[in-house]
């Protein structure tokens, strides 16, 4: 192993959590950092899931939240448009 590889591995371990949101696939322009359904931080439960309703993309923390989102899509889409989420 080269020194460069070792340093890259250490950096990934130390700073990986800081870049989870940026690497999650959620666009930087998305107004929320948490799931509108659960209130959990996006990226903490693996890769966030994108659903689209009323022409608006909504990012959820996990697949489990899709079922609840589908019960009241207008409510959650409104939260994204307003830039607010469950806390």
C-alpha atoms as a PDB file:
ATOM      1  CA  UNK A   1       0.000   0.000   0.000  1.00  0.00           C
ATOM      2  CA  UNK A   2       1.275   3.447  -0.850  1.00  0.00           C
ATOM      3  CA  UNK A   3       1.236   6.393   1.483  1.00  0.00           C
ATOM      4  CA  UNK A   4      -1.280   8.102  -0.827  1.00  0.00           C
ATOM      5  CA  UNK A   5      -3.649   5.129  -0.559  1.00  0.00           C
ATOM      6  CA  UNK A   6      -3.321   5.007   3.217  1.00  0.00           C
ATOM      7  CA  UNK A   7      -3.994   8.745   3.558  1.00  0.00           C
ATOM      8  CA  UNK A   8      -6.985   8.493   1.222  1.00  0.00           C
ATOM      9  CA  UNK A   9      -8.409   5.657   3.322  1.00  0.00           C
ATOM     10  CA  UNK A  10      -7.926   7.586   6.559  1.00  0.00           C
ATOM     11  CA  UNK A  11      -9.556  10.676   5.038  1.00  0.00           C
ATOM     12  CA  UNK A  12     -12.529   8.638   3.869  1.00  0.00           C
ATOM     13  CA  UNK A  13     -13.056   7.255   7.368  1.00  0.00           C
ATOM     14  CA  UNK A  14     -12.587  10.586   9.146  1.00  0.00           C
ATOM     15  CA  UNK A  15     -14.465  12.835   6.755  1.00  0.00           C
ATOM     16  CA  UNK A  16     -16.912  10.437   5.113  1.00  0.00           C
ATOM     17  CA  UNK A  17     -19.748  11.442   7.420  1.00  0.00           C
ATOM     18  CA  UNK A  18     -19.310  15.104   6.546  1.00  0.00           C
ATOM     19  CA  UNK A  19     -19.885  14.483   2.861  1.00  0.00           C
ATOM     20  CA  UNK A  20     -22.763  12.021   3.199  1.00  0.00           C
ATOM     21  CA  UNK A  21     -25.376  14.567   2.164  1.00  0.00           C
ATOM     22  CA  UNK A  22     -23.390  15.802  -0.839  1.00  0.00           C
ATOM     23  CA  UNK A  23     -22.660  12.239  -1.995  1.00  0.00           C
ATOM     24  CA  UNK A  24     -26.206  11.021  -1.375  1.00  0.00           C
ATOM     25  CA  UNK A  25     -27.516  12.087  -4.753  1.00  0.00           C
ATOM     26  CA  UNK A  26     -29.663  14.842  -3.273  1.00  0.00           C
ATOM     27  CA  UNK A  27     -29.071  18.035  -5.298  1.00  0.00           C
ATOM     28  CA  UNK A  28     -27.334  20.838  -3.440  1.00  0.00           C
ATOM     29  CA  UNK A  29     -30.249  23.083  -4.417  1.00  0.00           C
ATOM     30  CA  UNK A  30     -32.776  20.899  -2.543  1.00  0.00           C
ATOM     31  CA  UNK A  31     -34.147  23.108   0.263  1.00  0.00           C
ATOM     32  CA  UNK A  32     -34.266  20.466   3.021  1.00  0.00           C
ATOM     33  CA  UNK A  33     -31.709  18.395   4.920  1.00  0.00           C
ATOM     34  CA  UNK A  34     -34.267  16.090   6.553  1.00  0.00           C
ATOM     35  CA  UNK A  35     -36.981  13.720   5.359  1.00  0.00           C
ATOM     36  CA  UNK A  36     -40.437  15.338   5.239  1.00  0.00           C
ATOM     37  CA  UNK A  37     -42.036  12.083   6.406  1.00  0.00           C
ATOM     38  CA  UNK A  38     -39.807  10.925   9.272  1.00  0.00           C
ATOM     39  CA  UNK A  39     -37.736  13.978  10.132  1.00  0.00           C
ATOM     40  CA  UNK A  40     -34.559  11.906   9.827  1.00  0.00           C
ATOM     41  CA  UNK A  41     -31.468  13.450   8.283  1.00  0.00           C
ATOM     42  CA  UNK A  42     -31.174  12.626   4.572  1.00  0.00           C
ATOM     43  CA  UNK A  43     -28.360  10.169   3.970  1.00  0.00           C
ATOM     44  CA  UNK A  44     -28.347   8.631   7.451  1.00  0.00           C
ATOM     45  CA  UNK A  45     -30.259   5.526   6.343  1.00  0.00           C
ATOM     46  CA  UNK A  46     -28.364   4.923   3.134  1.00  0.00           C
ATOM     47  CA  UNK A  47     -29.051   6.577  -0.169  1.00  0.00           C
ATOM     48  CA  UNK A  48     -32.174   8.800  -0.083  1.00  0.00           C
ATOM     49  CA  UNK A  49     -35.133   7.947  -2.303  1.00  0.00           C
ATOM     50  CA  UNK A  50     -36.570  10.469  -4.763  1.00  0.00           C
ATOM     51  CA  UNK A  51     -40.298  10.630  -5.437  1.00  0.00           C
ATOM     52  CA  UNK A  52     -42.055  13.185  -7.612  1.00  0.00           C
ATOM     53  CA  UNK A  53     -45.493  14.623  -6.985  1.00  0.00           C
ATOM     54  CA  UNK A  54     -47.201  17.647  -8.503  1.00  0.00           C
ATOM     55  CA  UNK A  55     -44.044  18.233 -10.557  1.00  0.00           C
ATOM     56  CA  UNK A  56     -41.911  18.564  -7.430  1.00  0.00           C
ATOM     57  CA  UNK A  57     -39.078  16.201  -6.517  1.00  0.00           C
ATOM     58  CA  UNK A  58     -39.173  15.116  -2.879  1.00  0.00           C
ATOM     59  CA  UNK A  59     -36.259  13.284  -1.248  1.00  0.00           C
ATOM     60  CA  UNK A  60     -37.078  10.761   1.474  1.00  0.00           C
ATOM     61  CA  UNK A  61     -34.606   9.164   3.892  1.00  0.00           C
ATOM     62  CA  UNK A  62     -35.508   5.588   2.891  1.00  0.00           C
ATOM     63  CA  UNK A  63     -37.881   3.364   0.930  1.00  0.00           C
ATOM     64  CA  UNK A  64     -39.991   2.805   4.038  1.00  0.00           C
ATOM     65  CA  UNK A  65     -41.150   6.434   3.925  1.00  0.00           C
ATOM     66  CA  UNK A  66     -42.580   6.116   0.398  1.00  0.00           C
ATOM     67  CA  UNK A  67     -45.751   4.385   1.663  1.00  0.00           C
ATOM     68  CA  UNK A  68     -46.480   7.198   4.141  1.00  0.00           C
ATOM     69  CA  UNK A  69     -45.602   9.829   1.537  1.00  0.00           C
ATOM     70  CA  UNK A  70     -48.137   8.320  -0.875  1.00  0.00           C
ATOM     71  CA  UNK A  71     -50.915   8.689   1.728  1.00  0.00           C
ATOM     72  CA  UNK A  72     -50.575  12.514   1.719  1.00  0.00           C
ATOM     73  CA  UNK A  73     -48.330  13.582  -1.174  1.00  0.00           C
ATOM     74  CA  UNK A  74     -49.737  17.108  -1.304  1.00  0.00           C
ATOM     75  CA  UNK A  75     -48.890  17.728   2.348  1.00  0.00           C
ATOM     76  CA  UNK A  76     -45.267  16.654   1.912  1.00  0.00           C
ATOM     77  CA  UNK A  77     -44.826  18.369  -1.450  1.00  0.00           C
ATOM     78  CA  UNK A  78     -46.072  21.576   0.181  1.00  0.00           C
ATOM     79  CA  UNK A  79     -43.409  21.241   2.875  1.00  0.00           C
ATOM     80  CA  UNK A  80     -40.697  21.028   0.209  1.00  0.00           C
ATOM     81  CA  UNK A  81     -42.078  24.043  -1.646  1.00  0.00           C
ATOM     82  CA  UNK A  82     -42.173  25.968   1.635  1.00  0.00           C
ATOM     83  CA  UNK A  83     -38.688  24.757   2.565  1.00  0.00           C
ATOM     84  CA  UNK A  84     -39.831  23.256   5.859  1.00  0.00           C
ATOM     85  CA  UNK A  85     -39.707  19.703   7.165  1.00  0.00           C
ATOM     86  CA  UNK A  86     -40.813  17.659  10.144  1.00  0.00           C
ATOM     87  CA  UNK A  87     -38.369  18.060  12.998  1.00  0.00           C
END
